[in-house]
């Protein structure tokens, strides 16, 4: 058996970290994450969309949708939550099974750097405080851009800590139109929003 490469080692560490913190993740991070969701969702519309929440964790973004936009119930919106930690997804599933009035979202155990979707299928992409966990952020971005359609709304955030934004800035500018980078002292992430430009 071949030894794990650095990519695999980091993934193993991230999976173990989030599996071990899944039971108290919401208590620790819910308020912080909600402040980011408020910034990301100011102008969002959700009808007739396939929405990907990449790194969905325990479903905090989905809960925020439920509180702020009742149209999430509409069958025209298809929500897909993807996470690399099965225990985080288990927490998500446990929460939503308590609410009988909502249609269950589609939850997938998967890896942002190797998304299990065909090209150009997603209308709206969220990745909130998940991209910094990747071994290769650009590879994760390429995957998100691959599955997005022309005009896909991108709503991303990456922890400022240890982030070299200059390394990905030119790449973002080549793939996203109306690129908006928000850096606020009260938010620990860089907020990245824009519209996906698919090259012919």
N, C-alpha and C. Protein backbone atom coordinates (compact mmCIF):
# COMPACT_ATOMS: atom_id res chain seq x y z
N UNK A 1 0.84 -1.19 0.00
CA UNK A 1 0.00 0.00 0.00
C UNK A 1 0.88 1.25 0.00
N UNK A 2 0.55 2.20 -0.87
CA UNK A 2 1.33 3.43 -0.94
C UNK A 2 1.07 4.31 0.26
N UNK A 3 2.11 5.03 0.74
CA UNK A 3 1.88 5.97 1.85
C UNK A 3 0.97 7.10 1.40
N UNK A 4 0.26 7.69 2.34
CA UNK A 4 -0.63 8.80 2.02
C UNK A 4 0.18 10.01 1.55
N UNK A 5 -0.30 10.69 0.53
CA UNK A 5 0.35 11.93 0.14
C UNK A 5 -0.15 13.06 1.03
N UNK A 6 0.42 14.24 0.86
CA UNK A 6 0.04 15.37 1.73
C UNK A 6 -1.44 15.70 1.62
N UNK A 7 -1.97 15.57 0.39
CA UNK A 7 -3.38 15.83 0.16
C UNK A 7 -4.23 14.89 1.01
N UNK A 8 -3.94 13.60 0.97
CA UNK A 8 -4.70 12.61 1.73
C UNK A 8 -4.54 12.81 3.23
N UNK A 9 -3.34 13.15 3.66
CA UNK A 9 -3.09 13.38 5.09
C UNK A 9 -3.93 14.54 5.60
N UNK A 10 -3.99 15.62 4.83
CA UNK A 10 -4.79 16.78 5.25
C UNK A 10 -6.27 16.41 5.30
N UNK A 11 -6.74 15.67 4.30
CA UNK A 11 -8.15 15.27 4.29
C UNK A 11 -8.48 14.40 5.50
N UNK A 12 -7.60 13.48 5.82
CA UNK A 12 -7.81 12.62 6.99
C UNK A 12 -7.90 13.47 8.27
N UNK A 13 -7.01 14.47 8.36
CA UNK A 13 -7.01 15.35 9.54
C UNK A 13 -8.31 16.15 9.62
N UNK A 14 -8.75 16.71 8.50
CA UNK A 14 -9.97 17.52 8.47
C UNK A 14 -11.19 16.67 8.83
N UNK A 15 -11.27 15.47 8.26
CA UNK A 15 -12.39 14.57 8.57
C UNK A 15 -12.42 14.26 10.06
N UNK A 16 -11.27 13.90 10.63
CA UNK A 16 -11.20 13.57 12.05
C UNK A 16 -11.57 14.78 12.92
N UNK A 17 -11.09 15.96 12.51
CA UNK A 17 -11.37 17.18 13.28
C UNK A 17 -12.86 17.48 13.32
N UNK A 18 -13.51 17.44 12.15
CA UNK A 18 -14.93 17.79 12.11
C UNK A 18 -15.82 16.67 12.66
N UNK A 19 -15.40 15.43 12.49
CA UNK A 19 -16.15 14.34 13.14
C UNK A 19 -16.14 14.51 14.65
N UNK A 20 -14.99 14.91 15.20
CA UNK A 20 -14.87 15.01 16.66
C UNK A 20 -15.54 16.25 17.24
N UNK A 21 -15.77 17.28 16.41
CA UNK A 21 -16.39 18.52 16.91
C UNK A 21 -17.85 18.66 16.51
N UNK A 22 -18.38 17.68 15.78
CA UNK A 22 -19.73 17.81 15.23
C UNK A 22 -20.81 18.01 16.28
N UNK A 23 -20.66 17.41 17.44
CA UNK A 23 -21.72 17.49 18.46
C UNK A 23 -21.83 18.87 19.11
N UNK A 24 -20.75 19.65 19.09
CA UNK A 24 -20.82 20.99 19.70
C UNK A 24 -20.48 22.10 18.71
N UNK A 25 -20.41 21.77 17.43
CA UNK A 25 -20.05 22.75 16.41
C UNK A 25 -21.02 23.93 16.40
N UNK A 26 -22.31 23.66 16.44
CA UNK A 26 -23.31 24.74 16.38
C UNK A 26 -23.17 25.71 17.55
N UNK A 27 -22.97 25.18 18.75
CA UNK A 27 -22.83 26.04 19.93
C UNK A 27 -21.65 26.98 19.79
N UNK A 28 -20.60 26.49 19.19
CA UNK A 28 -19.38 27.28 19.08
C UNK A 28 -19.41 28.27 17.91
N UNK A 29 -20.03 27.89 16.78
CA UNK A 29 -19.86 28.67 15.55
C UNK A 29 -21.14 29.26 14.95
N UNK A 30 -22.29 28.94 15.49
CA UNK A 30 -23.54 29.38 14.86
C UNK A 30 -23.62 30.90 14.67
N UNK A 31 -23.33 31.66 15.71
CA UNK A 31 -23.43 33.12 15.61
C UNK A 31 -22.43 33.70 14.62
N UNK A 32 -21.22 33.16 14.63
CA UNK A 32 -20.18 33.62 13.70
C UNK A 32 -20.61 33.35 12.26
N UNK A 33 -21.10 32.14 12.01
CA UNK A 33 -21.50 31.78 10.66
C UNK A 33 -22.72 32.60 10.20
N UNK A 34 -23.65 32.84 11.10
CA UNK A 34 -24.83 33.63 10.73
C UNK A 34 -24.47 35.03 10.25
N UNK A 35 -23.43 35.62 10.85
CA UNK A 35 -23.01 36.96 10.42
C UNK A 35 -22.50 36.93 8.98
N UNK A 36 -21.87 35.81 8.59
CA UNK A 36 -21.40 35.67 7.20
C UNK A 36 -22.58 35.42 6.26
N UNK A 37 -23.53 34.61 6.71
CA UNK A 37 -24.70 34.32 5.87
C UNK A 37 -25.46 35.61 5.55
N UNK A 38 -25.57 36.50 6.54
CA UNK A 38 -26.29 37.76 6.32
C UNK A 38 -25.64 38.57 5.20
N UNK A 39 -24.31 38.58 5.16
CA UNK A 39 -23.60 39.29 4.10
C UNK A 39 -23.80 38.62 2.75
N UNK A 40 -23.73 37.31 2.74
CA UNK A 40 -23.80 36.56 1.49
C UNK A 40 -25.20 36.53 0.87
N UNK A 41 -26.22 36.66 1.71
CA UNK A 41 -27.59 36.46 1.24
C UNK A 41 -28.38 37.75 1.00
N UNK A 42 -27.70 38.87 1.06
CA UNK A 42 -28.43 40.15 0.95
C UNK A 42 -29.28 40.25 -0.31
N UNK A 43 -28.75 39.82 -1.45
CA UNK A 43 -29.48 39.99 -2.71
C UNK A 43 -29.80 38.66 -3.40
N UNK A 44 -29.83 37.59 -2.65
CA UNK A 44 -30.03 36.27 -3.26
C UNK A 44 -31.50 35.97 -3.53
N UNK A 45 -31.74 35.30 -4.66
CA UNK A 45 -33.07 34.81 -5.00
C UNK A 45 -32.93 33.31 -5.28
N UNK A 46 -33.96 32.54 -4.92
CA UNK A 46 -33.79 31.10 -4.91
C UNK A 46 -34.76 30.31 -5.79
N UNK A 47 -35.64 30.96 -6.52
CA UNK A 47 -36.63 30.20 -7.28
C UNK A 47 -35.99 29.54 -8.51
N UNK A 48 -36.49 28.33 -8.79
CA UNK A 48 -36.05 27.55 -9.95
C UNK A 48 -34.54 27.36 -9.99
N UNK A 49 -33.96 26.98 -8.86
CA UNK A 49 -32.52 26.86 -8.79
C UNK A 49 -32.10 25.51 -8.24
N UNK A 50 -30.92 25.08 -8.65
CA UNK A 50 -30.22 23.99 -7.97
C UNK A 50 -29.08 24.65 -7.21
N UNK A 51 -29.13 24.53 -5.90
CA UNK A 51 -28.19 25.23 -5.03
C UNK A 51 -27.26 24.23 -4.37
N UNK A 52 -25.96 24.47 -4.45
CA UNK A 52 -24.95 23.64 -3.80
C UNK A 52 -24.36 24.37 -2.62
N UNK A 53 -24.43 23.75 -1.45
CA UNK A 53 -23.78 24.24 -0.23
C UNK A 53 -22.56 23.35 -0.01
N UNK A 54 -21.41 23.80 -0.49
CA UNK A 54 -20.19 23.00 -0.47
C UNK A 54 -19.47 23.18 0.87
N UNK A 55 -19.44 22.11 1.66
CA UNK A 55 -18.94 22.20 3.03
C UNK A 55 -20.07 22.62 3.95
N UNK A 56 -21.20 21.94 3.81
CA UNK A 56 -22.45 22.35 4.49
C UNK A 56 -22.42 22.10 5.99
N UNK A 57 -21.53 21.22 6.46
CA UNK A 57 -21.44 20.95 7.88
C UNK A 57 -22.74 20.46 8.47
N UNK A 58 -23.15 21.08 9.57
CA UNK A 58 -24.36 20.66 10.29
C UNK A 58 -25.64 21.30 9.76
N UNK A 59 -25.52 22.02 8.65
CA UNK A 59 -26.71 22.60 8.03
C UNK A 59 -27.07 23.99 8.52
N UNK A 60 -26.09 24.75 9.01
CA UNK A 60 -26.39 26.10 9.52
C UNK A 60 -26.92 27.02 8.42
N UNK A 61 -26.36 26.91 7.21
CA UNK A 61 -26.85 27.75 6.12
C UNK A 61 -28.29 27.37 5.76
N UNK A 62 -28.59 26.09 5.72
CA UNK A 62 -29.95 25.65 5.43
C UNK A 62 -30.93 26.17 6.48
N UNK A 63 -30.54 26.11 7.74
CA UNK A 63 -31.39 26.64 8.83
C UNK A 63 -31.60 28.14 8.65
N UNK A 64 -30.54 28.84 8.25
CA UNK A 64 -30.65 30.28 8.02
C UNK A 64 -31.64 30.56 6.89
N UNK A 65 -31.59 29.76 5.82
CA UNK A 65 -32.58 29.88 4.74
C UNK A 65 -33.99 29.73 5.29
N UNK A 66 -34.19 28.72 6.11
CA UNK A 66 -35.53 28.45 6.64
C UNK A 66 -36.08 29.62 7.44
N UNK A 67 -35.21 30.26 8.20
CA UNK A 67 -35.64 31.40 9.01
C UNK A 67 -35.86 32.66 8.18
N UNK A 68 -35.08 32.82 7.10
CA UNK A 68 -35.11 34.10 6.40
C UNK A 68 -35.86 34.08 5.07
N UNK A 69 -36.14 32.89 4.54
CA UNK A 69 -36.76 32.84 3.22
C UNK A 69 -37.64 31.60 3.12
N UNK A 70 -38.92 31.78 3.25
CA UNK A 70 -39.85 30.65 3.24
C UNK A 70 -39.89 29.94 1.90
N UNK A 71 -39.40 30.57 0.83
CA UNK A 71 -39.41 29.93 -0.48
C UNK A 71 -38.49 28.71 -0.53
N UNK A 72 -37.65 28.52 0.48
CA UNK A 72 -36.82 27.32 0.52
C UNK A 72 -37.70 26.07 0.52
N UNK A 73 -38.94 26.20 0.99
CA UNK A 73 -39.85 25.05 0.99
C UNK A 73 -40.29 24.67 -0.43
N UNK A 74 -40.25 25.63 -1.31
CA UNK A 74 -40.77 25.43 -2.65
C UNK A 74 -39.99 24.34 -3.37
N UNK A 75 -40.69 23.43 -3.99
CA UNK A 75 -40.03 22.33 -4.68
C UNK A 75 -39.24 22.79 -5.89
N UNK A 76 -39.42 24.04 -6.30
CA UNK A 76 -38.64 24.57 -7.41
C UNK A 76 -37.18 24.72 -7.03
N UNK A 77 -36.89 24.86 -5.74
CA UNK A 77 -35.52 24.98 -5.27
C UNK A 77 -35.01 23.61 -4.84
N UNK A 78 -33.88 23.20 -5.40
CA UNK A 78 -33.27 21.94 -5.00
C UNK A 78 -31.97 22.26 -4.26
N UNK A 79 -31.96 21.96 -2.97
CA UNK A 79 -30.80 22.21 -2.13
C UNK A 79 -29.95 20.93 -2.05
N UNK A 80 -28.64 21.08 -2.29
CA UNK A 80 -27.69 19.97 -2.13
C UNK A 80 -26.65 20.40 -1.12
N UNK A 81 -26.53 19.64 -0.04
CA UNK A 81 -25.50 19.88 0.96
C UNK A 81 -24.42 18.82 0.84
N UNK A 82 -23.17 19.26 0.68
CA UNK A 82 -22.04 18.33 0.55
C UNK A 82 -21.03 18.60 1.64
N UNK A 83 -20.56 17.54 2.29
CA UNK A 83 -19.53 17.70 3.31
C UNK A 83 -18.66 16.45 3.35
N UNK A 84 -17.42 16.63 3.79
CA UNK A 84 -16.47 15.52 3.86
C UNK A 84 -16.57 14.75 5.17
N UNK A 85 -17.29 15.33 6.15
CA UNK A 85 -17.43 14.69 7.47
C UNK A 85 -18.80 14.05 7.62
N UNK A 86 -18.83 12.74 7.78
CA UNK A 86 -20.12 12.04 7.89
C UNK A 86 -20.83 12.38 9.20
N UNK A 87 -20.07 12.72 10.23
CA UNK A 87 -20.71 13.06 11.51
C UNK A 87 -21.37 14.44 11.46
N UNK A 88 -20.78 15.35 10.70
CA UNK A 88 -21.43 16.66 10.51
C UNK A 88 -22.74 16.46 9.75
N UNK A 89 -22.72 15.64 8.71
CA UNK A 89 -23.94 15.36 7.96
C UNK A 89 -24.98 14.65 8.82
N UNK A 90 -24.52 13.80 9.73
CA UNK A 90 -25.44 13.10 10.63
C UNK A 90 -26.15 14.10 11.54
N UNK A 91 -25.41 15.11 12.03
CA UNK A 91 -26.02 16.17 12.84
C UNK A 91 -27.06 16.94 12.02
N UNK A 92 -26.72 17.24 10.78
CA UNK A 92 -27.62 17.94 9.86
C UNK A 92 -28.91 17.12 9.70
N UNK A 93 -28.78 15.86 9.39
CA UNK A 93 -29.94 15.00 9.18
C UNK A 93 -30.79 14.88 10.44
N UNK A 94 -30.14 14.79 11.59
CA UNK A 94 -30.85 14.69 12.87
C UNK A 94 -31.73 15.92 13.10
N UNK A 95 -31.20 17.10 12.76
CA UNK A 95 -31.97 18.34 12.95
C UNK A 95 -33.18 18.41 12.04
N UNK A 96 -32.99 18.08 10.76
CA UNK A 96 -34.09 18.27 9.83
C UNK A 96 -35.18 17.21 9.97
N UNK A 97 -34.85 16.05 10.51
CA UNK A 97 -35.88 15.03 10.69
C UNK A 97 -36.87 15.43 11.79
N UNK A 98 -36.49 16.42 12.62
CA UNK A 98 -37.39 16.92 13.66
C UNK A 98 -38.44 17.86 13.11
N UNK A 99 -38.21 18.36 11.90
CA UNK A 99 -39.13 19.34 11.30
C UNK A 99 -39.89 18.63 10.19
N UNK A 100 -41.10 18.20 10.48
CA UNK A 100 -41.85 17.40 9.53
C UNK A 100 -42.39 18.22 8.36
N UNK A 101 -42.41 19.54 8.50
CA UNK A 101 -43.03 20.38 7.47
C UNK A 101 -42.11 20.67 6.29
N UNK A 102 -40.84 20.26 6.36
CA UNK A 102 -39.95 20.61 5.26
C UNK A 102 -39.54 19.38 4.46
N UNK A 103 -39.31 19.63 3.20
CA UNK A 103 -38.78 18.59 2.33
C UNK A 103 -37.31 18.41 2.66
N UNK A 104 -36.88 17.17 2.81
CA UNK A 104 -35.49 16.95 3.17
C UNK A 104 -34.56 17.41 2.06
N UNK A 105 -33.46 18.07 2.43
CA UNK A 105 -32.47 18.43 1.42
C UNK A 105 -31.69 17.18 0.99
N UNK A 106 -30.99 17.29 -0.10
CA UNK A 106 -30.13 16.21 -0.57
C UNK A 106 -28.76 16.36 0.10
N UNK A 107 -28.37 15.39 0.90
CA UNK A 107 -27.10 15.43 1.60
C UNK A 107 -26.15 14.41 1.00
N UNK A 108 -24.93 14.86 0.71
CA UNK A 108 -23.94 14.00 0.04
C UNK A 108 -22.62 14.06 0.80
N UNK A 109 -22.08 12.88 1.10
CA UNK A 109 -20.73 12.79 1.66
C UNK A 109 -19.75 12.89 0.50
N UNK A 110 -18.97 13.95 0.48
CA UNK A 110 -18.08 14.15 -0.66
C UNK A 110 -17.02 15.20 -0.39
N UNK A 111 -16.20 15.42 -1.40
CA UNK A 111 -14.99 16.22 -1.31
C UNK A 111 -15.08 17.36 -2.33
N UNK A 112 -14.90 18.59 -1.89
CA UNK A 112 -15.00 19.75 -2.79
C UNK A 112 -13.98 19.67 -3.92
N UNK A 113 -12.82 19.07 -3.67
CA UNK A 113 -11.80 18.98 -4.71
C UNK A 113 -12.11 17.90 -5.75
N UNK A 114 -13.11 17.08 -5.47
CA UNK A 114 -13.52 16.02 -6.41
C UNK A 114 -15.05 15.89 -6.36
N UNK A 115 -15.73 16.89 -6.86
CA UNK A 115 -17.19 16.94 -6.74
C UNK A 115 -17.86 15.85 -7.58
N UNK A 116 -18.86 15.17 -7.00
CA UNK A 116 -19.53 14.08 -7.71
C UNK A 116 -20.70 14.55 -8.58
N UNK A 117 -20.48 15.62 -9.36
CA UNK A 117 -21.52 16.18 -10.20
C UNK A 117 -21.01 16.37 -11.63
N UNK A 118 -21.94 16.30 -12.57
CA UNK A 118 -21.58 16.59 -13.95
C UNK A 118 -21.38 18.09 -14.14
N UNK A 119 -20.77 18.43 -15.25
CA UNK A 119 -20.48 19.84 -15.54
C UNK A 119 -21.75 20.65 -15.77
N UNK A 120 -21.69 21.89 -15.32
CA UNK A 120 -22.71 22.90 -15.61
C UNK A 120 -24.11 22.50 -15.17
N UNK A 121 -24.23 22.02 -13.94
CA UNK A 121 -25.53 21.59 -13.41
C UNK A 121 -26.05 22.49 -12.29
N UNK A 122 -25.19 23.31 -11.71
CA UNK A 122 -25.55 24.07 -10.50
C UNK A 122 -25.81 25.53 -10.85
N UNK A 123 -26.89 26.09 -10.27
CA UNK A 123 -27.25 27.50 -10.52
C UNK A 123 -26.68 28.46 -9.48
N UNK A 124 -26.49 27.96 -8.27
CA UNK A 124 -26.06 28.83 -7.18
C UNK A 124 -25.12 28.03 -6.27
N UNK A 125 -23.96 28.61 -5.95
CA UNK A 125 -22.95 27.91 -5.16
C UNK A 125 -22.61 28.72 -3.92
N UNK A 126 -22.67 28.04 -2.78
CA UNK A 126 -22.20 28.59 -1.51
C UNK A 126 -21.07 27.71 -0.99
N UNK A 127 -20.00 28.32 -0.52
CA UNK A 127 -18.93 27.60 0.18
C UNK A 127 -18.48 28.54 1.29
N UNK A 128 -19.02 28.33 2.47
CA UNK A 128 -18.82 29.27 3.58
C UNK A 128 -17.86 28.67 4.59
N UNK A 129 -16.68 29.28 4.70
CA UNK A 129 -15.64 28.87 5.64
C UNK A 129 -15.28 27.39 5.47
N UNK A 130 -15.16 26.98 4.22
CA UNK A 130 -14.76 25.59 3.97
C UNK A 130 -13.53 25.49 3.06
N UNK A 131 -13.32 26.46 2.19
CA UNK A 131 -12.25 26.35 1.20
C UNK A 131 -10.85 26.35 1.81
N UNK A 132 -10.66 27.01 2.96
CA UNK A 132 -9.33 27.02 3.57
C UNK A 132 -8.93 25.65 4.09
N UNK A 133 -9.89 24.73 4.20
CA UNK A 133 -9.58 23.38 4.65
C UNK A 133 -9.02 22.49 3.54
N UNK A 134 -9.06 22.99 2.31
CA UNK A 134 -8.61 22.18 1.19
C UNK A 134 -7.09 22.18 1.09
N UNK A 135 -6.55 21.08 0.56
CA UNK A 135 -5.11 21.01 0.30
C UNK A 135 -4.74 22.02 -0.78
N UNK A 136 -5.62 22.16 -1.79
CA UNK A 136 -5.36 23.04 -2.93
C UNK A 136 -6.63 23.86 -3.20
N UNK A 137 -6.65 25.11 -2.72
CA UNK A 137 -7.84 25.95 -2.86
C UNK A 137 -8.20 26.15 -4.33
N UNK A 138 -7.20 26.34 -5.18
CA UNK A 138 -7.48 26.54 -6.61
C UNK A 138 -8.15 25.31 -7.22
N UNK A 139 -7.73 24.13 -6.79
CA UNK A 139 -8.35 22.91 -7.32
C UNK A 139 -9.83 22.86 -6.90
N UNK A 140 -10.10 23.24 -5.65
CA UNK A 140 -11.48 23.28 -5.19
C UNK A 140 -12.29 24.30 -5.96
N UNK A 141 -11.72 25.47 -6.21
CA UNK A 141 -12.41 26.49 -6.99
C UNK A 141 -12.68 26.00 -8.41
N UNK A 142 -11.70 25.34 -9.02
CA UNK A 142 -11.89 24.81 -10.38
C UNK A 142 -13.06 23.84 -10.42
N UNK A 143 -13.18 23.01 -9.38
CA UNK A 143 -14.29 22.05 -9.32
C UNK A 143 -15.63 22.78 -9.18
N UNK A 144 -15.67 23.78 -8.32
CA UNK A 144 -16.91 24.55 -8.16
C UNK A 144 -17.29 25.23 -9.47
N UNK A 145 -16.29 25.80 -10.15
CA UNK A 145 -16.56 26.47 -11.41
C UNK A 145 -16.97 25.46 -12.50
N UNK A 146 -16.42 24.26 -12.44
CA UNK A 146 -16.76 23.23 -13.42
C UNK A 146 -18.24 22.85 -13.35
N UNK A 147 -18.76 22.71 -12.13
CA UNK A 147 -20.14 22.25 -11.99
C UNK A 147 -21.16 23.38 -12.12
N UNK A 148 -20.68 24.62 -12.04
CA UNK A 148 -21.58 25.76 -12.19
C UNK A 148 -21.89 26.05 -13.66
N UNK A 149 -23.04 26.64 -13.88
CA UNK A 149 -23.45 27.03 -15.24
C UNK A 149 -22.97 28.44 -15.53
N UNK A 150 -23.07 28.83 -16.78
CA UNK A 150 -22.89 30.24 -17.14
C UNK A 150 -23.87 31.07 -16.32
N UNK A 151 -23.37 32.08 -15.63
CA UNK A 151 -24.24 32.94 -14.84
C UNK A 151 -24.52 32.43 -13.44
N UNK A 152 -23.89 31.33 -13.04
CA UNK A 152 -24.07 30.83 -11.68
C UNK A 152 -23.65 31.89 -10.66
N UNK A 153 -24.47 32.06 -9.64
CA UNK A 153 -24.17 32.98 -8.55
C UNK A 153 -23.21 32.30 -7.57
N UNK A 154 -22.06 32.94 -7.33
CA UNK A 154 -21.04 32.40 -6.43
C UNK A 154 -21.03 33.19 -5.14
N UNK A 155 -21.08 32.48 -4.03
CA UNK A 155 -21.10 33.10 -2.71
C UNK A 155 -20.14 32.32 -1.82
N UNK A 156 -18.92 32.82 -1.70
CA UNK A 156 -17.85 32.08 -1.04
C UNK A 156 -17.29 32.90 0.12
N UNK A 157 -16.73 32.20 1.08
CA UNK A 157 -15.95 32.89 2.11
C UNK A 157 -14.79 32.00 2.52
N UNK A 158 -13.64 32.65 2.75
CA UNK A 158 -12.42 31.94 3.14
C UNK A 158 -11.83 32.65 4.35
N UNK A 159 -11.43 31.88 5.35
CA UNK A 159 -10.80 32.47 6.53
C UNK A 159 -9.61 33.34 6.13
N UNK A 160 -9.54 34.56 6.68
CA UNK A 160 -8.42 35.45 6.38
C UNK A 160 -7.10 34.88 6.90
N UNK A 161 -7.17 34.20 8.02
CA UNK A 161 -5.96 33.68 8.66
C UNK A 161 -5.21 32.77 7.71
N UNK A 162 -3.94 33.07 7.50
CA UNK A 162 -3.06 32.28 6.64
C UNK A 162 -3.50 32.24 5.17
N UNK A 163 -4.38 33.16 4.77
CA UNK A 163 -4.83 33.19 3.37
C UNK A 163 -3.97 34.16 2.57
N UNK A 164 -3.37 33.66 1.50
CA UNK A 164 -2.66 34.52 0.55
C UNK A 164 -3.60 34.79 -0.61
N UNK A 165 -4.41 35.82 -0.47
CA UNK A 165 -5.44 36.11 -1.46
C UNK A 165 -4.84 36.45 -2.82
N UNK A 166 -3.63 37.02 -2.83
CA UNK A 166 -3.00 37.37 -4.10
C UNK A 166 -2.80 36.14 -4.98
N UNK A 167 -2.59 34.97 -4.35
CA UNK A 167 -2.38 33.74 -5.11
C UNK A 167 -3.59 33.32 -5.91
N UNK A 168 -4.79 33.65 -5.40
CA UNK A 168 -6.00 33.23 -6.12
C UNK A 168 -6.76 34.39 -6.75
N UNK A 169 -6.33 35.62 -6.46
CA UNK A 169 -7.05 36.80 -6.95
C UNK A 169 -7.12 36.84 -8.48
N UNK A 170 -5.99 36.63 -9.14
CA UNK A 170 -5.99 36.70 -10.61
C UNK A 170 -6.82 35.57 -11.20
N UNK A 171 -6.81 34.40 -10.55
CA UNK A 171 -7.62 33.28 -11.02
C UNK A 171 -9.11 33.61 -10.88
N UNK A 172 -9.50 34.19 -9.76
CA UNK A 172 -10.89 34.58 -9.55
C UNK A 172 -11.33 35.58 -10.62
N UNK A 173 -10.47 36.55 -10.90
CA UNK A 173 -10.81 37.58 -11.89
C UNK A 173 -10.98 37.00 -13.29
N UNK A 174 -10.28 35.90 -13.57
CA UNK A 174 -10.40 35.29 -14.90
C UNK A 174 -11.66 34.44 -15.05
N UNK A 175 -12.30 34.09 -13.94
CA UNK A 175 -13.46 33.18 -13.98
C UNK A 175 -14.77 33.83 -13.55
N UNK A 176 -14.68 34.96 -12.85
CA UNK A 176 -15.87 35.57 -12.24
C UNK A 176 -16.04 37.00 -12.75
N UNK A 177 -17.27 37.33 -13.16
CA UNK A 177 -17.58 38.72 -13.49
C UNK A 177 -18.30 39.34 -12.30
N UNK A 178 -18.24 40.65 -12.23
CA UNK A 178 -18.82 41.39 -11.10
C UNK A 178 -18.23 40.89 -9.77
N UNK A 179 -16.92 40.61 -9.79
CA UNK A 179 -16.25 40.10 -8.59
C UNK A 179 -16.27 41.14 -7.49
N UNK A 180 -16.71 40.71 -6.30
CA UNK A 180 -16.78 41.59 -5.14
C UNK A 180 -16.08 40.91 -3.97
N UNK A 181 -15.01 41.51 -3.50
CA UNK A 181 -14.29 40.99 -2.33
C UNK A 181 -14.59 41.91 -1.15
N UNK A 182 -15.05 41.33 -0.06
CA UNK A 182 -15.41 42.11 1.12
C UNK A 182 -14.51 41.68 2.28
N UNK A 183 -13.81 42.66 2.85
CA UNK A 183 -12.99 42.39 4.03
C UNK A 183 -13.48 43.30 5.15
N UNK A 184 -14.08 42.73 6.17
CA UNK A 184 -14.58 43.51 7.30
C UNK A 184 -13.89 43.04 8.57
N UNK A 185 -13.59 43.98 9.43
CA UNK A 185 -12.91 43.63 10.69
C UNK A 185 -13.73 42.67 11.54
N UNK A 186 -15.07 42.86 11.51
CA UNK A 186 -15.92 42.06 12.40
C UNK A 186 -16.16 40.65 11.87
N UNK A 187 -15.73 40.39 10.64
CA UNK A 187 -15.92 39.06 10.04
C UNK A 187 -14.56 38.43 9.81
N UNK A 188 -14.41 37.18 10.22
CA UNK A 188 -13.09 36.53 10.16
C UNK A 188 -12.74 36.03 8.77
N UNK A 189 -13.67 36.11 7.82
CA UNK A 189 -13.44 35.62 6.47
C UNK A 189 -13.35 36.77 5.48
N UNK A 190 -12.73 36.46 4.33
CA UNK A 190 -12.88 37.30 3.15
C UNK A 190 -14.12 36.79 2.42
N UNK A 191 -15.05 37.67 2.13
CA UNK A 191 -16.27 37.31 1.41
C UNK A 191 -16.03 37.52 -0.09
N UNK A 192 -16.34 36.51 -0.89
CA UNK A 192 -16.12 36.57 -2.33
C UNK A 192 -17.44 36.28 -3.03
N UNK A 193 -17.90 37.25 -3.83
CA UNK A 193 -19.15 37.06 -4.57
C UNK A 193 -18.98 37.49 -6.01
N UNK A 194 -19.77 36.89 -6.87
CA UNK A 194 -19.73 37.25 -8.27
C UNK A 194 -20.55 36.27 -9.10
N UNK A 195 -20.41 36.38 -10.40
CA UNK A 195 -21.15 35.55 -11.34
C UNK A 195 -20.16 34.77 -12.18
N UNK A 196 -20.42 33.48 -12.33
CA UNK A 196 -19.51 32.61 -13.06
C UNK A 196 -19.56 32.89 -14.55
N UNK A 197 -18.37 33.06 -15.12
CA UNK A 197 -18.24 33.29 -16.55
C UNK A 197 -17.69 32.00 -17.16
N UNK A 198 -18.51 31.32 -17.97
CA UNK A 198 -18.06 30.09 -18.61
C UNK A 198 -17.41 30.44 -19.94
N UNK A 199 -16.16 29.98 -20.09
CA UNK A 199 -15.43 30.28 -21.32
C UNK A 199 -15.82 29.30 -22.42
N UNK A 200 -15.99 29.82 -23.60
CA UNK A 200 -16.37 28.97 -24.76
C UNK A 200 -15.16 28.23 -25.28
